[in-house]
Each structure stands twice: as C-alpha cells, then as structure tokens.
PDB file of N, CA and C in Angstrom:
ATOM      1  N   VAL A   1      30.344 -61.037 -28.054  1.00  0.00           N
ATOM      2  CA  VAL A   1      30.941 -62.430 -27.863  1.00  0.00           C
ATOM      3  C   VAL A   1      31.532 -62.788 -29.246  1.00  0.00           C
ATOM      4  N   PHE A   2      30.878 -62.522 -30.365  1.00  0.00           N
ATOM      5  CA  PHE A   2      31.464 -62.854 -31.649  1.00  0.00           C
ATOM      6  C   PHE A   2      32.240 -61.734 -32.245  1.00  0.00           C
ATOM      7  N   PRO A   3      33.419 -62.049 -32.598  1.00  0.00           N
ATOM      8  CA  PRO A   3      34.329 -60.898 -33.096  1.00  0.00           C
ATOM      9  C   PRO A   3      33.685 -60.397 -34.515  1.00  0.00           C
ATOM     10  N   ASN A   4      33.817 -59.150 -34.670  1.00  0.00           N
ATOM     11  CA  ASN A   4      33.404 -58.599 -35.950  1.00  0.00           C
ATOM     12  C   ASN A   4      34.450 -58.765 -36.985  1.00  0.00           C
ATOM     13  N   HIS A   5      34.001 -59.007 -38.239  1.00  0.00           N
ATOM     14  CA  HIS A   5      34.961 -59.297 -39.284  1.00  0.00           C
ATOM     15  C   HIS A   5      34.858 -58.260 -40.426  1.00  0.00           C
ATOM     16  N   PRO A   6      35.312 -57.071 -40.163  1.00  0.00           N
ATOM     17  CA  PRO A   6      35.295 -56.036 -41.179  1.00  0.00           C
ATOM     18  C   PRO A   6      36.076 -56.377 -42.410  1.00  0.00           C
ATOM     19  N   GLY A   7      35.382 -56.252 -43.570  1.00  0.00           N
ATOM     20  CA  GLY A   7      36.094 -56.657 -44.893  1.00  0.00           C
ATOM     21  C   GLY A   7      36.259 -58.193 -44.949  1.00  0.00           C
ATOM     22  N   ASN A   8      35.739 -58.974 -44.036  1.00  0.00           N
ATOM     23  CA  ASN A   8      35.934 -60.410 -44.096  1.00  0.00           C
ATOM     24  C   ASN A   8      37.372 -60.902 -44.263  1.00  0.00           C
ATOM     25  N   THR A   9      38.232 -60.165 -43.535  1.00  0.00           N
ATOM     26  CA  THR A   9      39.652 -60.425 -43.623  1.00  0.00           C
ATOM     27  C   THR A   9      39.972 -61.923 -43.111  1.00  0.00           C
ATOM     28  N   ALA A  10      39.147 -62.429 -42.214  1.00  0.00           N
ATOM     29  CA  ALA A  10      39.312 -63.884 -41.836  1.00  0.00           C
ATOM     30  C   ALA A  10      38.621 -64.794 -42.626  1.00  0.00           C
ATOM     31  N   GLY A  11      37.921 -64.395 -43.626  1.00  0.00           N
ATOM     32  CA  GLY A  11      37.164 -65.361 -44.479  1.00  0.00           C
ATOM     33  C   GLY A  11      35.963 -65.795 -43.806  1.00  0.00           C
ATOM     34  N   LYS A  12      35.413 -65.030 -42.827  1.00  0.00           N
ATOM     35  CA  LYS A  12      34.206 -65.379 -42.166  1.00  0.00           C
ATOM     36  C   LYS A  12      33.185 -64.210 -42.115  1.00  0.00           C
ATOM     37  N   VAL A  13      31.966 -64.631 -41.818  1.00  0.00           N
ATOM     38  CA  VAL A  13      30.931 -63.641 -41.666  1.00  0.00           C
ATOM     39  C   VAL A  13      30.234 -63.829 -40.363  1.00  0.00           C
ATOM     40  N   ASP A  14      29.656 -62.801 -39.778  1.00  0.00           N
ATOM     41  CA  ASP A  14      29.021 -62.834 -38.544  1.00  0.00           C
ATOM     42  C   ASP A  14      27.736 -63.722 -38.501  1.00  0.00           C
ATOM     43  N   THR A  15      27.372 -64.197 -37.382  1.00  0.00           N
ATOM     44  CA  THR A  15      26.257 -65.102 -37.299  1.00  0.00           C
ATOM     45  C   THR A  15      25.062 -64.347 -36.575  1.00  0.00           C
ATOM     46  N   VAL A  16      23.836 -64.626 -36.869  1.00  0.00           N
ATOM     47  CA  VAL A  16      22.709 -63.964 -36.419  1.00  0.00           C
ATOM     48  C   VAL A  16      21.866 -64.936 -35.655  1.00  0.00           C
ATOM     49  N   LEU A  17      21.484 -64.622 -34.467  1.00  0.00           N
ATOM     50  CA  LEU A  17      20.556 -65.473 -33.626  1.00  0.00           C
ATOM     51  C   LEU A  17      19.236 -64.852 -33.487  1.00  0.00           C
ATOM     52  N   ALA A  18      18.126 -65.458 -33.983  1.00  0.00           N
ATOM     53  CA  ALA A  18      16.776 -65.047 -33.931  1.00  0.00           C
ATOM     54  C   ALA A  18      16.047 -65.794 -32.896  1.00  0.00           C
ATOM     55  N   VAL A  19      15.132 -65.184 -32.217  1.00  0.00           N
ATOM     56  CA  VAL A  19      14.254 -65.859 -31.190  1.00  0.00           C
ATOM     57  C   VAL A  19      12.821 -65.403 -31.338  1.00  0.00           C
ATOM     58  N   LEU A  20      11.986 -66.387 -31.243  1.00  0.00           N
ATOM     59  CA  LEU A  20      10.536 -66.224 -31.361  1.00  0.00           C
ATOM     60  C   LEU A  20      10.044 -66.433 -29.934  1.00  0.00           C
ATOM     61  N   ALA A  21       9.292 -65.419 -29.394  1.00  0.00           N
ATOM     62  CA  ALA A  21       8.740 -65.499 -27.971  1.00  0.00           C
ATOM     63  C   ALA A  21       7.286 -65.012 -27.927  1.00  0.00           C
ATOM     64  N   GLU A  22       6.624 -65.331 -26.993  1.00  0.00           N
ATOM     65  CA  GLU A  22       5.291 -64.975 -26.705  1.00  0.00           C
ATOM     66  C   GLU A  22       5.328 -63.447 -26.410  1.00  0.00           C
ATOM     67  N   PRO A  23       4.361 -62.675 -26.731  1.00  0.00           N
ATOM     68  CA  PRO A  23       4.302 -61.134 -26.436  1.00  0.00           C
ATOM     69  C   PRO A  23       4.448 -60.901 -24.898  1.00  0.00           C
ATOM     70  N   SER A  24       4.009 -61.839 -24.113  1.00  0.00           N
ATOM     71  CA  SER A  24       4.116 -61.652 -22.649  1.00  0.00           C
ATOM     72  C   SER A  24       5.338 -62.124 -21.985  1.00  0.00           C
ATOM     73  N   ALA A  25       6.351 -62.570 -22.853  1.00  0.00           N
ATOM     74  CA  ALA A  25       7.599 -63.012 -22.294  1.00  0.00           C
ATOM     75  C   ALA A  25       8.369 -61.958 -21.647  1.00  0.00           C
ATOM     76  N   ASN A  26       9.125 -62.274 -20.641  1.00  0.00           N
ATOM     77  CA  ASN A  26       9.938 -61.357 -19.912  1.00  0.00           C
ATOM     78  C   ASN A  26      11.177 -61.073 -20.871  1.00  0.00           C
ATOM     79  N   VAL A  27      11.299 -59.796 -21.361  1.00  0.00           N
ATOM     80  CA  VAL A  27      12.307 -59.506 -22.247  1.00  0.00           C
ATOM     81  C   VAL A  27      13.781 -59.664 -21.627  1.00  0.00           C
ATOM     82  N   GLY A  28      13.972 -59.421 -20.279  1.00  0.00           N
ATOM     83  CA  GLY A  28      15.216 -59.541 -19.597  1.00  0.00           C
ATOM     84  C   GLY A  28      15.570 -61.018 -19.575  1.00  0.00           C
ATOM     85  N   THR A  29      14.618 -61.873 -19.368  1.00  0.00           N
ATOM     86  CA  THR A  29      14.826 -63.362 -19.169  1.00  0.00           C
ATOM     87  C   THR A  29      15.220 -63.865 -20.627  1.00  0.00           C
ATOM     88  N   VAL A  30      14.481 -63.519 -21.635  1.00  0.00           N
ATOM     89  CA  VAL A  30      14.790 -63.873 -23.001  1.00  0.00           C
ATOM     90  C   VAL A  30      16.234 -63.448 -23.333  1.00  0.00           C
ATOM     91  N   GLY A  31      16.581 -62.180 -23.065  1.00  0.00           N
ATOM     92  CA  GLY A  31      17.851 -61.710 -23.469  1.00  0.00           C
ATOM     93  C   GLY A  31      19.011 -62.496 -22.673  1.00  0.00           C
ATOM     94  N   TYR A  32      18.796 -62.664 -21.435  1.00  0.00           N
ATOM     95  CA  TYR A  32      19.803 -63.530 -20.513  1.00  0.00           C
ATOM     96  C   TYR A  32      19.900 -64.830 -21.147  1.00  0.00           C
ATOM     97  N   GLU A  33      18.807 -65.523 -21.484  1.00  0.00           N
ATOM     98  CA  GLU A  33      18.974 -66.886 -21.978  1.00  0.00           C
ATOM     99  C   GLU A  33      19.603 -66.914 -23.372  1.00  0.00           C
ATOM    100  N   MET A  34      19.404 -65.920 -24.195  1.00  0.00           N
ATOM    101  CA  MET A  34      20.016 -65.753 -25.503  1.00  0.00           C
ATOM    102  C   MET A  34      21.518 -65.637 -25.250  1.00  0.00           C
ATOM    103  N   GLY A  35      21.899 -64.906 -24.258  1.00  0.00           N
ATOM    104  CA  GLY A  35      23.318 -64.639 -23.999  1.00  0.00           C
ATOM    105  C   GLY A  35      24.005 -65.960 -23.513  1.00  0.00           C
ATOM    106  N   GLN A  36      23.261 -66.783 -22.753  1.00  0.00           N
ATOM    107  CA  GLN A  36      23.745 -67.996 -22.179  1.00  0.00           C
ATOM    108  C   GLN A  36      24.016 -68.860 -23.419  1.00  0.00           C
ATOM    109  N   LEU A  37      23.054 -69.023 -24.291  1.00  0.00           N
ATOM    110  CA  LEU A  37      23.033 -69.786 -25.444  1.00  0.00           C
ATOM    111  C   LEU A  37      24.304 -69.432 -26.307  1.00  0.00           C
ATOM    112  N   VAL A  38      24.470 -68.219 -26.587  1.00  0.00           N
ATOM    113  CA  VAL A  38      25.511 -67.713 -27.381  1.00  0.00           C
ATOM    114  C   VAL A  38      26.939 -68.111 -26.657  1.00  0.00           C
ATOM    115  N   ASP A  39      27.052 -67.875 -25.396  1.00  0.00           N
ATOM    116  CA  ASP A  39      28.277 -68.244 -24.615  1.00  0.00           C
ATOM    117  C   ASP A  39      28.559 -69.728 -24.827  1.00  0.00           C
ATOM    118  N   ARG A  40      27.597 -70.629 -24.738  1.00  0.00           N
ATOM    119  CA  ARG A  40      27.866 -72.048 -24.893  1.00  0.00           C
ATOM    120  C   ARG A  40      28.143 -72.504 -26.328  1.00  0.00           C
ATOM    121  N   PHE A  41      27.486 -71.888 -27.276  1.00  0.00           N
ATOM    122  CA  PHE A  41      27.564 -72.266 -28.667  1.00  0.00           C
ATOM    123  C   PHE A  41      28.538 -71.445 -29.594  1.00  0.00           C
ATOM    124  N   ALA A  42      29.166 -70.430 -29.046  1.00  0.00           N
ATOM    125  CA  ALA A  42      29.944 -69.461 -29.870  1.00  0.00           C
ATOM    126  C   ALA A  42      30.972 -70.175 -30.702  1.00  0.00           C
ATOM    127  N   PRO A  43      31.698 -71.170 -30.204  1.00  0.00           N
ATOM    128  CA  PRO A  43      32.573 -71.938 -31.130  1.00  0.00           C
ATOM    129  C   PRO A  43      32.034 -72.473 -32.384  1.00  0.00           C
ATOM    130  N   TYR A  44      30.748 -72.865 -32.333  1.00  0.00           N
ATOM    131  CA  TYR A  44      30.058 -73.565 -33.418  1.00  0.00           C
ATOM    132  C   TYR A  44      29.164 -72.584 -34.367  1.00  0.00           C
ATOM    133  N   MET A  45      29.087 -71.333 -33.925  1.00  0.00           N
ATOM    134  CA  MET A  45      28.084 -70.474 -34.550  1.00  0.00           C
ATOM    135  C   MET A  45      28.784 -69.461 -35.533  1.00  0.00           C
ATOM    136  N   VAL A  46      30.094 -69.573 -35.788  1.00  0.00           N
ATOM    137  CA  VAL A  46      30.744 -68.729 -36.810  1.00  0.00           C
ATOM    138  C   VAL A  46      30.829 -69.657 -38.068  1.00  0.00           C
ATOM    139  N   THR A  47      30.317 -69.137 -39.140  1.00  0.00           N
ATOM    140  CA  THR A  47      30.166 -69.853 -40.359  1.00  0.00           C
ATOM    141  C   THR A  47      31.241 -69.340 -41.395  1.00  0.00           C
ATOM    142  N   ALA A  48      31.783 -70.217 -42.216  1.00  0.00           N
ATOM    143  CA  ALA A  48      32.825 -69.821 -43.147  1.00  0.00           C
ATOM    144  C   ALA A  48      32.134 -69.039 -44.217  1.00  0.00           C
ATOM    145  N   LEU A  49      32.868 -68.100 -44.838  1.00  0.00           N
ATOM    146  CA  LEU A  49      32.438 -67.393 -45.984  1.00  0.00           C
ATOM    147  C   LEU A  49      32.159 -68.326 -47.250  1.00  0.00           C
ATOM    148  N   ARG A  50      30.934 -68.118 -47.812  1.00  0.00           N
ATOM    149  CA  ARG A  50      30.574 -68.983 -48.922  1.00  0.00           C
ATOM    150  C   ARG A  50      31.013 -68.370 -50.180  1.00  0.00           C
ATOM    151  N   SER A  51      31.427 -69.113 -51.075  1.00  0.00           N
ATOM    152  CA  SER A  51      31.887 -68.603 -52.381  1.00  0.00           C
ATOM    153  C   SER A  51      30.774 -68.206 -53.248  1.00  0.00           C
ATOM    154  N   THR A  52      30.900 -67.226 -54.091  1.00  0.00           N
ATOM    155  CA  THR A  52      29.823 -66.887 -54.998  1.00  0.00           C
ATOM    156  C   THR A  52      29.902 -67.271 -56.355  1.00  0.00           C
TER     157      THR A  52
END
C-alpha cells in the first residue's frame, strides 16, 4: 500500500506499523485488521524526511 522510496527521492521514508497482541490472537484476523487500518490511514502515515 505504501510506495517504497529508494534513495529517498521524494524526500520521504517508509512508515512502520507495529501491533501487540495476545499469543492466542488469530494471526489471520490481526493481519486483516492491520491491512484495513493501513488502507484507511495510508494518506496520514507517510512521514516527511527529517533533517540531520
């Protein structure tokens, strides 16, 4: 869903989504819900490249 930015040509870096779940959580359901979240929030989850 998020485009890759090799060499930061667009001045942006990729975003990472981490999820904490119970060991007994259904992996398929967790993955599906993560995908749904990414689809809804994709426009807001790309962060600009920070200056060093």
